[in-house]
Amino acid sequence: MKKPEIKTDPLYQLLRQEDIKSFNEQRDSLDTSELRSGDYRGRDLRNMNASGLDFSNAYFRNADLSGIDFRTTNLEGASLLDAKLSGTYFPAELTAEEIRLSLDTGTRMRYRRS
């Protein structure tokens, strides 16, 4: 498993700078593959359009993810330690217990396989 990293990718940098409006405007026209394994620690990402994105192995410690719809987002291996999650939707493959463990202890989230 890769450690979360800070990248030079333009879309990634928009999230690091908390420029959610510009991120949402540009996300469909730029490469989104560099969002994986990113370090989003302490960032305010509210209002981000996360639909269909891959945030696998990302690090969201202390990030504000309030109200984000992650239902079609890949969050496998992501860590949520102390993140703000009010009104956040998660993929059906993530159990409430898995989300709570990640929120409380920083464990990497594992998808439930049928």
Protein backbone atom coordinates (compact mmCIF):
# COMPACT_ATOMS: atom_id res chain seq x y z
CA MET A 1 0.00 0.00 0.00
CA LYS A 2 1.34 3.41 -0.99
CA LYS A 3 1.67 6.21 1.52
CA PRO A 4 -0.48 9.29 0.83
CA GLU A 5 1.46 11.83 -1.17
CA ILE A 6 1.37 15.48 -2.17
CA LYS A 7 1.29 15.71 -5.96
CA THR A 8 1.82 18.37 -8.61
CA ASP A 9 -1.25 17.36 -10.62
CA PRO A 10 -3.51 20.41 -11.36
CA LEU A 11 -6.77 18.83 -10.12
CA TYR A 12 -5.10 17.51 -7.01
CA GLN A 13 -3.65 20.95 -6.29
CA LEU A 14 -7.10 22.55 -6.60
CA LEU A 15 -8.30 20.29 -3.80
CA ARG A 16 -5.20 21.00 -1.70
CA GLN A 17 -5.90 24.72 -2.13
CA GLU A 18 -9.58 24.11 -1.25
CA ASP A 19 -10.69 25.66 -4.57
CA ILE A 20 -13.72 23.39 -4.87
CA LYS A 21 -15.53 25.59 -7.40
CA SER A 22 -12.64 25.38 -9.88
CA PHE A 23 -12.18 21.66 -9.18
CA ASN A 24 -15.84 20.97 -10.00
CA GLU A 25 -15.60 23.04 -13.18
CA GLN A 26 -12.45 21.29 -14.44
CA ARG A 27 -12.82 17.71 -13.17
CA ASP A 28 -14.52 16.42 -16.33
CA SER A 29 -11.95 17.89 -18.70
CA LEU A 30 -8.72 16.89 -16.88
CA ASP A 31 -7.15 13.57 -15.88
CA THR A 32 -8.50 12.46 -12.50
CA SER A 33 -6.17 9.47 -12.02
CA GLU A 34 -3.78 11.40 -9.76
CA LEU A 35 -6.42 11.80 -7.04
CA ARG A 36 -5.65 8.26 -5.79
CA SER A 37 -3.35 7.98 -2.77
CA GLY A 38 -3.51 11.73 -2.20
CA ASP A 39 -2.96 13.54 1.07
CA TYR A 40 -6.09 15.62 1.77
CA ARG A 41 -5.33 16.04 5.46
CA GLY A 42 -7.20 18.95 7.08
CA ARG A 43 -8.76 20.21 3.85
CA ASP A 44 -12.28 21.63 3.55
CA LEU A 45 -13.70 19.64 0.63
CA ARG A 46 -17.39 20.44 1.14
CA ASN A 47 -19.41 20.78 -2.08
CA MET A 48 -16.90 18.69 -4.06
CA ASN A 49 -18.44 16.69 -6.90
CA ALA A 50 -16.92 13.26 -6.15
CA SER A 51 -19.14 11.30 -8.53
CA GLY A 52 -17.21 8.52 -10.26
CA LEU A 53 -13.81 9.54 -8.89
CA ASP A 54 -11.11 7.26 -7.47
CA PHE A 55 -9.91 8.30 -4.02
CA SER A 56 -8.58 4.84 -3.16
CA ASN A 57 -5.83 4.88 -0.53
CA ALA A 58 -6.39 8.60 0.09
CA TYR A 59 -5.76 10.19 3.48
CA PHE A 60 -8.60 12.43 4.76
CA ARG A 61 -7.50 12.98 8.38
CA ASN A 62 -9.33 15.99 9.87
CA ALA A 63 -10.81 16.87 6.45
CA ASP A 64 -14.31 18.34 6.19
CA LEU A 65 -16.23 15.96 3.94
CA SER A 66 -19.66 17.17 5.08
CA GLY A 67 -22.43 16.66 2.56
CA ILE A 68 -20.29 14.97 -0.12
CA ASP A 69 -21.94 12.20 -2.12
CA PHE A 70 -19.37 9.40 -2.36
CA ARG A 71 -21.88 6.74 -3.46
CA THR A 72 -20.17 6.23 -6.84
CA THR A 73 -16.66 7.05 -5.62
CA ASN A 74 -13.91 4.49 -4.98
CA LEU A 75 -12.85 4.93 -1.34
CA GLU A 76 -11.28 1.51 -0.83
CA GLY A 77 -8.19 1.85 1.35
CA ALA A 78 -8.96 5.47 2.26
CA SER A 79 -8.54 6.67 5.85
CA LEU A 80 -10.95 9.09 7.58
CA LEU A 81 -9.42 9.67 11.02
CA ASP A 82 -11.30 12.54 12.73
CA ALA A 83 -12.91 13.73 9.47
CA LYS A 84 -16.20 15.66 9.54
CA LEU A 85 -18.89 13.52 7.89
CA SER A 86 -22.23 15.22 8.58
CA GLY A 87 -24.63 14.41 5.72
CA THR A 88 -22.02 12.43 3.77
CA TYR A 89 -23.13 9.51 1.56
CA PHE A 90 -20.85 6.47 1.25
CA PRO A 91 -20.72 3.57 -1.23
CA ALA A 92 -23.00 0.64 -0.31
CA GLU A 93 -19.90 -1.61 -0.23
CA LEU A 94 -18.69 0.20 2.91
CA THR A 95 -20.40 -0.89 6.11
CA ALA A 96 -21.16 1.58 8.87
CA GLU A 97 -18.76 -0.35 11.10
CA GLU A 98 -15.95 0.02 8.56
CA ILE A 99 -16.56 3.76 8.28
CA ARG A 100 -16.68 4.15 12.08
CA LEU A 101 -13.40 2.22 12.52
CA SER A 102 -11.70 4.46 9.99
CA LEU A 103 -13.15 7.61 11.57
CA ASP A 104 -12.15 6.60 15.11
CA THR A 105 -8.83 4.83 14.55
CA GLY A 106 -7.68 5.75 11.04
CA THR A 107 -7.89 2.22 9.63
CA ARG A 108 -8.02 1.87 5.87
CA MET A 109 -11.55 1.15 4.71
CA ARG A 110 -12.21 -2.29 3.20
CA TYR A 111 -15.09 -2.93 0.82
CA ARG A 112 -17.58 -5.67 1.62
CA ARG A 113 -17.59 -8.26 -1.16
CA SER A 114 -20.73 -10.27 -1.88
